Amino acid sequence: MNTPLLRIQLRRGEDVVLARRRTRQIAEHFGFEGQDQVRLATVVSELARNAVQYAHGGWIQFELVTDGEPHLLIRVEDHGPGIPHLDEILDGRYQSSTGLGIGLIGARRLTDRFAIDTTPDQGTSVQVGKLLPPGRVPKPVSVAELTRTLAAVRADDSLDELEVRNQELVRALVTLAEQQAETERLNAELAETNRGVLALYAELDDRAADLARVSQLKSAFLSGITHELRTPLNSILNMTRILLGRMDGELTGEQDIQVNLIQKAAVTLTDMVADLLDLARIEAGKTEVRLVAFTVSDIFGALRGMCRPLLTSDAVALVFEMPDHEITLTTDEGKLSQILRNLVSNAIKFTEQGEIKVSATPGPEDTVVFAVTDTGIGIAAEDQVRIFEEFSQVDSPLQRNVRGTGLGLSLSRKLAGLLGGSLEVISAPGVGSTFVVCLPRVCRMPRVTPPTGMSAVTASGRTHG
């Protein structure tokens, strides 16, 4: 419902002053704050001035709209030549020496409702609206009283309005001076902060260089020590195979037990050395990624043969769940196999009974999601970040009986990242765990020329081993 409040004919400058004054009176009656009164009065005076200056007159009407969100509606109309370049004006692209367009842009920014209709040689209609303050919807009696008051107020109040505008200008200048002083203070504080930031950046650069040197030394040490350890470990493993194969004669029962223990310890150390070497290569950026095309059935078939011998109890079933439709990937098959072997090996270690399921499904955005789910002891929420740290293991009754290096999950996550994917865990104590590997179906590695001594990303035939 629209309730007319006041209509003012616009013929000369005094009518513009009157329209501004009546706007402020109406806004004050409806409970608008002082700043909103000034904004609304300024919008109306600019629109009225445009009508007088460019269209040689028009009229302005105030209405109260109570349908939907209650608001004050102000309509300014003229029968002038219309507004050319309206789109450019509203976009702020039109340059005018007379100020044409500034009032329209300001009106749109300072009000809640804005609409304009212009036709060449027929005139222009501009509507602006301002939502009433919450809880300030006036009663019909109040609106009627306002209408009578506005009709009774004398129109010749230009000097009063000029005085009010001067007071508003003084207040605005004082506010502007305060804001300028505050801006200067903030600029000085910002300059000081910038100096501190620059010093911090310089320190961070030094720390980053130190960390890079430490990382290089660490990688060089790990690479060197693992290469040095491999030779004696391989010798130990070969000796245990000779002894257990009875090539030099029979062993006593006690000797057989002791040689088996030596062999298991050597295998554990060999696995640790291999993991350390892989980590060192990844951190040094020397890991070679070989992109090949293969299917989920291919990799599951190979994993089935490698992982089934790890089962030590008939109480645990290892299930490879094939996807409904064959999935083809182009990534590093050897590294993906290493990730899944680590996850299955961990699941076997910490599952006393139930099932270990390995599955693959299409994921979002052309990815493939591999999941290794077990019915084991599970992992507490507070430990689910720590398990991916190097040499970190969760204390549990089964952990005391299971040997591990604490490198498998850390290495697997880094390998997944190297292939452009991720490795996450979903688990709860006593329920089991699900390790989720999400990889791009087609691994897109950057084709860059590596530094001297660094392996490039290559595409080759299928890897073995």
Protein backbone atom coordinates (compact mmCIF):
# COMPACT_ATOMS: atom_id res chain seq x y z
CA MET A 1 0.00 0.00 0.00
CA ASN A 2 1.34 3.47 -0.98
CA THR A 3 0.33 6.49 1.09
CA PRO A 4 1.06 9.89 -0.56
CA LEU A 5 2.75 12.32 1.82
CA LEU A 6 3.79 15.39 -0.14
CA ARG A 7 4.19 16.65 -3.70
CA ILE A 8 6.46 19.58 -4.62
CA GLN A 9 6.59 21.34 -7.96
CA LEU A 10 10.15 21.95 -9.16
CA ARG A 11 10.58 25.19 -11.15
CA ARG A 12 13.56 27.07 -9.66
CA GLY A 13 16.41 26.78 -7.17
CA GLU A 14 14.23 27.69 -4.19
CA ASP A 15 12.14 24.58 -4.87
CA VAL A 16 15.28 22.45 -4.64
CA VAL A 17 16.04 23.94 -1.20
CA LEU A 18 12.44 23.31 -0.13
CA ALA A 19 12.60 19.68 -1.30
CA ARG A 20 15.77 19.13 0.72
CA ARG A 21 14.21 20.60 3.86
CA ARG A 22 11.00 18.60 3.54
CA THR A 23 13.03 15.40 2.99
CA ARG A 24 14.85 15.90 6.27
CA GLN A 25 11.60 16.66 8.11
CA ILE A 26 9.94 13.50 6.76
CA ALA A 27 12.98 11.38 7.52
CA GLU A 28 13.12 12.73 11.07
CA HIS A 29 9.42 11.96 11.57
CA PHE A 30 9.98 8.33 10.53
CA GLY A 31 12.87 7.87 12.96
CA PHE A 32 15.87 7.94 10.62
CA GLU A 33 19.17 8.71 12.31
CA GLY A 34 20.94 12.02 11.68
CA GLN A 35 23.39 10.62 9.12
CA ASP A 36 20.60 8.91 7.18
CA GLN A 37 18.58 12.16 7.22
CA VAL A 38 21.51 14.05 5.70
CA ARG A 39 22.16 11.34 3.11
CA LEU A 40 18.53 11.21 2.02
CA ALA A 41 18.24 15.00 1.89
CA THR A 42 21.42 15.20 -0.21
CA VAL A 43 20.12 12.58 -2.66
CA VAL A 44 16.82 14.42 -3.09
CA SER A 45 18.44 17.83 -3.55
CA GLU A 46 20.78 16.43 -6.26
CA LEU A 47 17.93 14.73 -8.14
CA ALA A 48 15.79 17.86 -7.85
CA ARG A 49 18.66 20.06 -9.02
CA ASN A 50 19.13 17.81 -12.07
CA ALA A 51 15.43 18.18 -12.92
CA VAL A 52 15.57 21.97 -12.65
CA GLN A 53 18.91 22.43 -14.38
CA TYR A 54 18.67 19.93 -17.24
CA ALA A 55 14.90 19.51 -17.75
CA HIS A 56 13.79 23.03 -16.72
CA GLY A 57 11.45 21.70 -14.08
CA GLY A 58 9.49 18.74 -12.87
CA TRP A 59 7.99 17.50 -9.65
CA ILE A 60 8.89 15.38 -6.64
CA GLN A 61 6.57 13.17 -4.63
CA PHE A 62 7.04 11.45 -1.25
CA GLU A 63 5.13 8.25 -0.43
CA LEU A 64 5.07 5.74 2.42
CA VAL A 65 5.12 2.12 1.19
CA THR A 66 3.92 -0.47 3.72
CA ASP A 67 3.72 -3.53 1.45
CA GLY A 68 6.63 -5.93 2.04
CA GLU A 69 9.49 -4.10 3.72
CA PRO A 70 8.18 -0.66 4.79
CA HIS A 71 10.15 2.14 3.19
CA LEU A 72 10.03 5.78 2.20
CA LEU A 73 9.64 6.15 -1.56
CA ILE A 74 10.68 9.35 -3.34
CA ARG A 75 9.86 9.87 -7.01
CA VAL A 76 11.43 12.67 -9.10
CA GLU A 77 10.02 13.16 -12.60
CA ASP A 78 10.51 15.64 -15.43
CA HIS A 79 9.50 16.08 -19.08
CA GLY A 80 12.94 17.09 -20.32
CA PRO A 81 15.15 15.71 -23.09
CA GLY A 82 16.04 12.51 -21.22
CA ILE A 83 19.49 11.35 -20.17
CA PRO A 84 21.90 10.19 -22.90
CA HIS A 85 24.74 7.80 -22.03
CA LEU A 86 22.75 6.44 -19.07
CA ASP A 87 24.57 3.11 -18.97
CA GLU A 88 27.96 4.83 -19.02
CA ILE A 89 26.83 7.19 -16.25
CA LEU A 90 25.65 4.38 -13.98
CA ASP A 91 28.88 2.43 -14.63
CA GLY A 92 30.93 5.49 -13.67
CA ARG A 93 32.54 5.71 -17.15
CA TYR A 94 30.96 8.99 -18.25
CA GLN A 95 33.03 12.14 -17.75
CA SER A 96 30.99 15.36 -17.47
CA SER A 97 32.22 18.87 -16.79
CA THR A 98 28.78 19.87 -15.46
CA GLY A 99 28.48 17.11 -12.88
CA LEU A 100 25.77 15.22 -14.77
CA GLY A 101 25.61 11.68 -13.46
CA ILE A 102 27.21 12.29 -10.07
CA GLY A 103 23.80 12.69 -8.45
CA LEU A 104 22.51 9.47 -10.02
CA ILE A 105 25.52 7.41 -8.87
CA GLY A 106 25.27 8.90 -5.38
CA ALA A 107 21.54 8.23 -5.22
CA ARG A 108 22.04 4.57 -6.08
CA ARG A 109 24.80 4.13 -3.49
CA LEU A 110 23.07 5.96 -0.63
CA THR A 111 19.60 4.39 -0.87
CA ASP A 112 18.10 0.91 -0.58
CA ARG A 113 15.89 1.15 -3.66
CA PHE A 114 16.85 2.71 -6.98
CA ALA A 115 15.16 2.71 -10.38
CA ILE A 116 15.42 5.03 -13.36
CA ASP A 117 13.52 5.28 -16.62
CA THR A 118 14.46 7.79 -19.30
CA THR A 119 13.21 8.35 -22.85
CA PRO A 120 14.67 10.85 -25.33
CA ASP A 121 12.50 14.00 -25.60
CA GLN A 122 9.94 12.54 -23.18
CA GLY A 123 11.56 12.88 -19.79
CA THR A 124 13.07 10.97 -16.92
CA SER A 125 11.67 9.27 -13.83
CA VAL A 126 13.91 8.39 -10.89
CA GLN A 127 12.66 6.42 -7.87
CA VAL A 128 14.66 5.98 -4.69
CA GLY A 129 13.65 4.26 -1.48
CA LYS A 130 15.00 4.01 2.03
CA LEU A 131 13.94 1.21 4.39
CA LEU A 132 12.35 2.47 7.60
CA PRO A 133 14.26 1.81 10.83
CA PRO A 134 13.22 -1.48 12.52
CA GLY A 135 10.01 -1.13 14.50
CA ARG A 136 9.29 2.37 13.18
CA VAL A 137 6.27 1.68 10.93
CA PRO A 138 4.00 4.71 11.61
CA LYS A 139 0.30 4.42 12.28
CA PRO A 140 -2.19 5.98 9.86
CA VAL A 141 -2.97 8.72 12.38
CA SER A 142 0.70 9.67 12.54
CA VAL A 143 0.97 9.74 8.74
CA ALA A 144 -2.10 11.96 8.43
CA GLU A 145 -0.68 14.33 11.05
CA LEU A 146 2.62 14.51 9.15
CA THR A 147 0.81 15.29 5.91
CA ARG A 148 -1.09 18.17 7.56
CA THR A 149 2.06 19.51 9.16
CA LEU A 150 3.96 19.54 5.87
CA ALA A 151 1.09 21.26 4.10
CA ALA A 152 0.95 23.98 6.76
CA VAL A 153 4.68 24.76 6.86
CA ARG A 154 5.60 27.92 4.98
CA ALA A 155 7.63 27.44 1.84
CA ASP A 156 9.86 30.51 2.16
CA ASP A 157 12.54 29.06 4.42
CA SER A 158 15.63 29.27 2.18
CA LEU A 159 17.72 31.10 4.78
CA ASP A 160 16.84 28.54 7.45
CA GLU A 161 17.76 25.70 5.12
CA LEU A 162 21.02 27.44 4.19
CA GLU A 163 21.88 27.74 7.87
CA VAL A 164 21.15 24.05 8.41
CA ARG A 165 23.29 23.11 5.42
CA ASN A 166 26.14 25.25 6.75
CA GLN A 167 25.91 23.47 10.10
CA GLU A 168 25.98 20.12 8.35
CA LEU A 169 29.00 21.23 6.32
CA VAL A 170 30.85 22.32 9.47
CA ARG A 171 30.13 18.99 11.14
CA ALA A 172 31.29 17.17 8.02
CA LEU A 173 34.51 19.20 7.92
CA VAL A 174 35.19 18.45 11.59
CA THR A 175 34.57 14.76 10.98
CA LEU A 176 36.80 14.86 7.92
CA ALA A 177 39.60 16.52 9.91
CA GLU A 178 39.30 13.85 12.61
CA GLN A 179 39.37 11.11 9.99
CA GLN A 180 42.40 12.69 8.33
CA ALA A 181 44.25 12.80 11.66
CA GLU A 182 43.32 9.18 12.30
CA THR A 183 44.47 8.25 8.78
CA GLU A 184 47.82 9.95 9.37
CA ARG A 185 48.21 8.08 12.64
CA LEU A 186 47.35 4.78 10.97
CA ASN A 187 49.77 5.53 8.12
CA ALA A 188 52.57 6.16 10.60
CA GLU A 189 51.70 2.96 12.44
CA LEU A 190 51.53 1.09 9.13
CA ALA A 191 54.94 2.42 8.08
CA GLU A 192 56.42 1.22 11.36
CA THR A 193 54.73 -2.15 10.93
CA ASN A 194 56.07 -2.39 7.38
CA ARG A 195 59.60 -1.85 8.66
CA GLY A 196 59.05 -4.65 11.16
CA VAL A 197 57.63 -6.90 8.44
CA LEU A 198 60.62 -6.24 6.21
CA ALA A 199 62.96 -7.14 9.05
CA LEU A 200 60.91 -10.27 9.70
CA TYR A 201 61.06 -11.23 6.03
CA ALA A 202 64.82 -10.84 6.05
CA GLU A 203 65.04 -13.06 9.13
CA LEU A 204 62.69 -15.60 7.57
CA ASP A 205 64.84 -15.67 4.43
CA ASP A 206 67.88 -16.42 6.58
CA ARG A 207 65.98 -19.15 8.45
CA ALA A 208 64.70 -20.60 5.17
CA ALA A 209 68.25 -20.74 3.82
CA ASP A 210 69.43 -22.44 7.03
CA LEU A 211 66.57 -24.95 6.82
CA ALA A 212 67.37 -25.65 3.18
CA ARG A 213 71.00 -26.36 4.10
CA VAL A 214 69.94 -28.59 6.99
CA SER A 215 67.49 -30.43 4.72
CA GLN A 216 70.23 -30.98 2.14
CA LEU A 217 72.59 -32.28 4.83
CA LYS A 218 69.86 -34.54 6.21
CA SER A 219 69.05 -35.92 2.75
CA ALA A 220 72.74 -36.44 1.97
CA PHE A 221 73.26 -38.19 5.30
CA LEU A 222 70.23 -40.47 4.89
CA SER A 223 71.17 -41.28 1.32
CA GLY A 224 74.77 -42.05 2.28
CA ILE A 225 74.02 -44.08 5.39
CA THR A 226 71.30 -46.14 3.70
CA HIS A 227 73.62 -47.03 0.83
CA GLU A 228 76.32 -48.00 3.34
CA LEU A 229 73.88 -50.16 5.33
CA ARG A 230 72.47 -52.02 2.37
CA THR A 231 75.65 -53.97 1.61
CA PRO A 232 76.11 -55.56 5.09
CA LEU A 233 72.37 -56.17 5.40
CA ASN A 234 72.27 -57.97 2.07
CA SER A 235 75.25 -60.03 3.21
CA ILE A 236 73.43 -60.96 6.43
CA LEU A 237 70.29 -61.93 4.51
CA ASN A 238 72.29 -64.04 2.06
CA MET A 239 74.08 -65.79 4.94
CA THR A 240 70.78 -66.57 6.68
CA ARG A 241 69.38 -68.01 3.44
CA ILE A 242 72.45 -70.23 3.09
CA LEU A 243 72.16 -71.44 6.68
CA LEU A 244 68.39 -71.99 6.53
CA GLY A 245 68.81 -73.77 3.20
CA ARG A 246 71.18 -76.29 4.95
CA MET A 247 73.83 -75.69 2.30
CA ASP A 248 76.58 -76.08 4.93
CA GLY A 249 74.90 -78.83 6.88
CA GLU A 250 72.06 -79.28 9.32
CA LEU A 251 71.24 -76.83 12.11
CA THR A 252 70.15 -77.69 15.58
CA GLY A 253 66.68 -76.63 16.65
CA GLU A 254 68.07 -73.73 18.67
CA GLN A 255 70.31 -72.62 15.81
CA ASP A 256 67.35 -72.68 13.42
CA ILE A 257 65.39 -70.39 15.76
CA GLN A 258 68.31 -67.99 16.16
CA VAL A 259 69.01 -67.77 12.42
CA ASN A 260 65.31 -67.08 11.74
CA LEU A 261 65.42 -64.26 14.29
CA ILE A 262 68.50 -62.85 12.59
CA GLN A 263 66.80 -63.04 9.21
CA LYS A 264 63.64 -61.29 10.45
CA ALA A 265 65.72 -58.53 12.06
CA ALA A 266 67.71 -58.08 8.85
CA VAL A 267 64.50 -57.89 6.80
CA THR A 268 63.12 -55.26 9.20
CA LEU A 269 66.31 -53.23 8.92
CA THR A 270 66.31 -53.57 5.14
CA ASP A 271 62.74 -52.27 4.97
CA MET A 272 63.69 -49.34 7.21
CA VAL A 273 66.70 -48.54 5.02
CA ALA A 274 64.50 -48.63 1.90
CA ASP A 275 61.94 -46.32 3.50
CA LEU A 276 64.64 -43.91 4.65
CA LEU A 277 66.15 -43.84 1.18
CA ASP A 278 62.74 -43.16 -0.39
CA LEU A 279 62.09 -40.32 2.06
CA ALA A 280 65.50 -38.82 1.38
CA ARG A 281 64.88 -38.93 -2.38
CA ILE A 282 61.47 -37.28 -2.05
CA GLU A 283 62.78 -34.49 0.18
CA ALA A 284 65.74 -33.92 -2.15
CA GLY A 285 63.42 -33.78 -5.18
CA LYS A 286 65.22 -36.67 -6.83
CA THR A 287 62.36 -39.12 -6.99
CA GLU A 288 61.63 -40.26 -10.52
CA VAL A 289 57.94 -40.53 -11.41
CA ARG A 290 57.24 -42.95 -14.22
CA LEU A 291 53.84 -42.39 -15.79
CA VAL A 292 52.23 -45.49 -17.27
CA ALA A 293 48.70 -46.55 -18.10
CA PHE A 294 47.26 -49.52 -16.20
CA THR A 295 43.96 -50.75 -14.80
CA VAL A 296 42.76 -51.29 -11.27
CA SER A 297 42.47 -55.01 -12.04
CA ASP A 298 46.19 -55.08 -12.95
CA ILE A 299 47.38 -53.54 -9.71
CA PHE A 300 44.90 -55.47 -7.53
CA GLY A 301 46.03 -58.72 -9.11
CA ALA A 302 49.67 -57.99 -8.30
CA LEU A 303 48.85 -56.83 -4.76
CA ARG A 304 46.80 -59.95 -4.06
CA GLY A 305 49.79 -62.15 -4.75
CA MET A 306 52.17 -60.00 -2.68
CA CYS A 307 49.93 -59.41 0.35
CA ARG A 308 48.27 -62.80 0.94
CA PRO A 309 51.51 -64.38 2.26
CA LEU A 310 51.56 -61.68 4.96
CA LEU A 311 48.41 -63.10 6.57
CA THR A 312 49.36 -65.15 9.63
CA SER A 313 45.86 -66.09 10.78
CA ASP A 314 42.82 -67.66 9.18
CA ALA A 315 40.68 -65.32 11.33
CA VAL A 316 41.45 -62.43 8.99
CA ALA A 317 40.21 -62.29 5.38
CA LEU A 318 41.88 -60.13 2.74
CA VAL A 319 39.36 -59.03 0.11
CA PHE A 320 40.03 -57.05 -3.06
CA GLU A 321 36.76 -55.51 -4.21
CA MET A 322 36.78 -54.84 -7.93
CA PRO A 323 34.96 -51.73 -9.25
CA ASP A 324 31.72 -52.14 -11.17
CA HIS A 325 33.39 -50.79 -14.29
CA GLU A 326 37.04 -51.08 -15.15
CA ILE A 327 39.09 -48.00 -14.20
CA THR A 328 42.21 -47.02 -16.12
CA LEU A 329 44.83 -44.78 -14.54
CA THR A 330 47.92 -43.03 -15.85
CA THR A 331 50.30 -42.58 -12.94
CA ASP A 332 53.30 -44.29 -11.33
CA GLU A 333 52.15 -47.88 -10.81
CA GLY A 334 55.14 -48.78 -8.63
CA LYS A 335 54.58 -45.93 -6.20
CA LEU A 336 50.82 -46.55 -6.00
CA SER A 337 51.56 -50.24 -5.34
CA GLN A 338 54.00 -49.22 -2.60
CA ILE A 339 51.37 -47.02 -0.95
CA LEU A 340 48.72 -49.74 -1.00
CA ARG A 341 51.21 -52.42 0.20
CA ASN A 342 52.09 -50.24 3.20
CA LEU A 343 48.43 -49.71 4.04
CA VAL A 344 47.53 -53.40 3.69
CA SER A 345 50.60 -54.41 5.72
CA ASN A 346 49.59 -52.03 8.52
CA ALA A 347 46.02 -53.33 8.44
CA ILE A 348 47.25 -56.92 8.77
CA LYS A 349 49.46 -56.00 11.74
CA PHE A 350 46.63 -54.40 13.71
CA THR A 351 43.69 -56.64 12.78
CA GLU A 352 43.32 -59.81 14.88
CA GLN A 353 40.07 -60.94 13.29
CA GLY A 354 37.53 -59.86 10.72
CA GLU A 355 38.22 -58.48 7.27
CA ILE A 356 40.59 -56.23 5.38
CA LYS A 357 38.99 -54.82 2.23
CA VAL A 358 40.78 -53.01 -0.59
CA SER A 359 38.54 -51.11 -3.00
CA ALA A 360 38.69 -48.52 -5.79
CA THR A 361 35.92 -46.19 -6.98
CA PRO A 362 35.71 -43.19 -9.32
CA GLY A 363 36.05 -39.96 -7.37
CA PRO A 364 35.08 -36.33 -8.01
CA GLU A 365 36.85 -34.20 -10.62
CA ASP A 366 38.31 -37.16 -12.55
CA THR A 367 39.99 -38.82 -9.57
CA VAL A 368 40.18 -42.40 -8.33
CA VAL A 369 39.64 -43.18 -4.65
CA PHE A 370 41.40 -46.22 -3.19
CA ALA A 371 40.31 -47.35 0.28
CA VAL A 372 41.88 -49.90 2.64
CA THR A 373 39.36 -50.76 5.36
CA ASP A 374 40.00 -53.05 8.32
CA THR A 375 38.18 -54.24 11.42
CA GLY A 376 41.22 -53.76 13.64
CA ILE A 377 41.86 -51.88 16.86
CA GLY A 378 41.25 -48.42 15.34
CA ILE A 379 43.00 -45.13 16.03
CA ALA A 380 41.93 -42.44 18.49
CA ALA A 381 41.15 -39.00 17.07
CA GLU A 382 44.05 -37.35 18.90
CA ASP A 383 46.50 -39.82 17.29
CA GLN A 384 45.28 -39.54 13.70
CA VAL A 385 47.65 -36.68 12.90
CA ARG A 386 50.63 -38.14 14.73
CA ILE A 387 50.60 -41.44 12.83
CA PHE A 388 51.69 -39.62 9.66
CA GLU A 389 54.79 -38.19 11.35
CA GLU A 390 58.15 -39.86 10.75
CA PHE A 391 59.21 -42.46 13.38
CA SER A 392 55.89 -41.98 15.19
CA GLN A 393 53.89 -44.95 16.47
CA VAL A 394 50.74 -45.19 18.57
CA ASP A 395 51.06 -47.09 21.82
CA SER A 396 48.67 -50.06 21.98
CA PRO A 397 48.69 -53.68 23.21
CA LEU A 398 49.22 -54.93 19.65
CA GLN A 399 51.93 -52.35 18.95
CA ARG A 400 54.16 -53.93 21.59
CA ASN A 401 54.07 -57.20 19.69
CA VAL A 402 54.44 -55.70 16.21
CA ARG A 403 57.71 -54.41 14.88
CA GLY A 404 57.66 -51.27 12.80
CA THR A 405 59.73 -48.26 11.88
CA GLY A 406 57.04 -45.57 11.98
CA LEU A 407 57.96 -44.55 8.44
CA GLY A 408 55.36 -46.38 6.33
CA LEU A 409 52.44 -43.94 6.66
CA SER A 410 54.67 -40.86 6.43
CA LEU A 411 56.26 -42.22 3.26
CA SER A 412 52.88 -43.23 1.81
CA ARG A 413 51.43 -39.74 2.33
CA LYS A 414 54.45 -38.13 0.67
CA LEU A 415 54.24 -40.54 -2.25
CA ALA A 416 50.53 -39.74 -2.65
CA GLY A 417 51.36 -36.03 -2.66
CA LEU A 418 54.08 -36.64 -5.22
CA LEU A 419 51.45 -38.19 -7.50
CA GLY A 420 49.16 -35.16 -7.05
CA GLY A 421 46.85 -36.82 -4.51
CA SER A 422 46.28 -37.21 -0.79
CA LEU A 423 46.14 -39.82 1.97
CA GLU A 424 43.69 -39.48 4.87
CA VAL A 425 42.36 -41.73 7.62
CA ILE A 426 38.91 -42.31 9.10
CA SER A 427 39.02 -44.34 12.30
CA ALA A 428 37.63 -44.95 15.77
CA PRO A 429 38.98 -47.17 18.56
CA GLY A 430 37.43 -50.63 18.54
CA VAL A 431 35.70 -50.05 15.19
CA GLY A 432 38.54 -50.18 12.71
CA SER A 433 40.20 -47.85 10.24
CA THR A 434 39.80 -46.76 6.64
CA PHE A 435 42.78 -45.23 4.86
CA VAL A 436 41.68 -43.28 1.79
CA VAL A 437 44.04 -42.53 -1.10
CA CYS A 438 42.66 -40.03 -3.64
CA LEU A 439 44.69 -39.69 -6.84
CA PRO A 440 44.08 -37.94 -10.18
CA ARG A 441 43.08 -40.53 -12.76
CA VAL A 442 45.70 -38.95 -15.03
CA CYS A 443 48.74 -37.69 -13.15
CA ARG A 444 49.84 -34.40 -14.66
CA MET A 445 53.36 -33.72 -13.49
CA PRO A 446 55.20 -30.51 -14.45
CA ARG A 447 57.47 -30.98 -17.46
CA VAL A 448 60.51 -28.99 -16.35
CA THR A 449 64.23 -29.40 -16.88
CA PRO A 450 65.61 -30.70 -13.56
CA PRO A 451 68.82 -29.41 -11.98
CA THR A 452 72.03 -31.38 -12.47
CA GLY A 453 71.82 -34.72 -10.69
CA MET A 454 68.05 -34.56 -10.28
CA SER A 455 65.88 -37.09 -12.03
CA ALA A 456 63.25 -35.84 -14.43
CA VAL A 457 59.64 -36.95 -14.49
CA THR A 458 59.45 -39.50 -17.25
CA ALA A 459 56.92 -41.61 -19.04
CA SER A 460 57.95 -45.14 -19.78
CA GLY A 461 56.75 -48.70 -19.95
CA ARG A 462 55.20 -50.42 -16.95
CA THR A 463 57.46 -50.68 -13.94
CA HIS A 464 58.28 -53.97 -12.30
CA GLY A 465 59.19 -54.50 -8.66
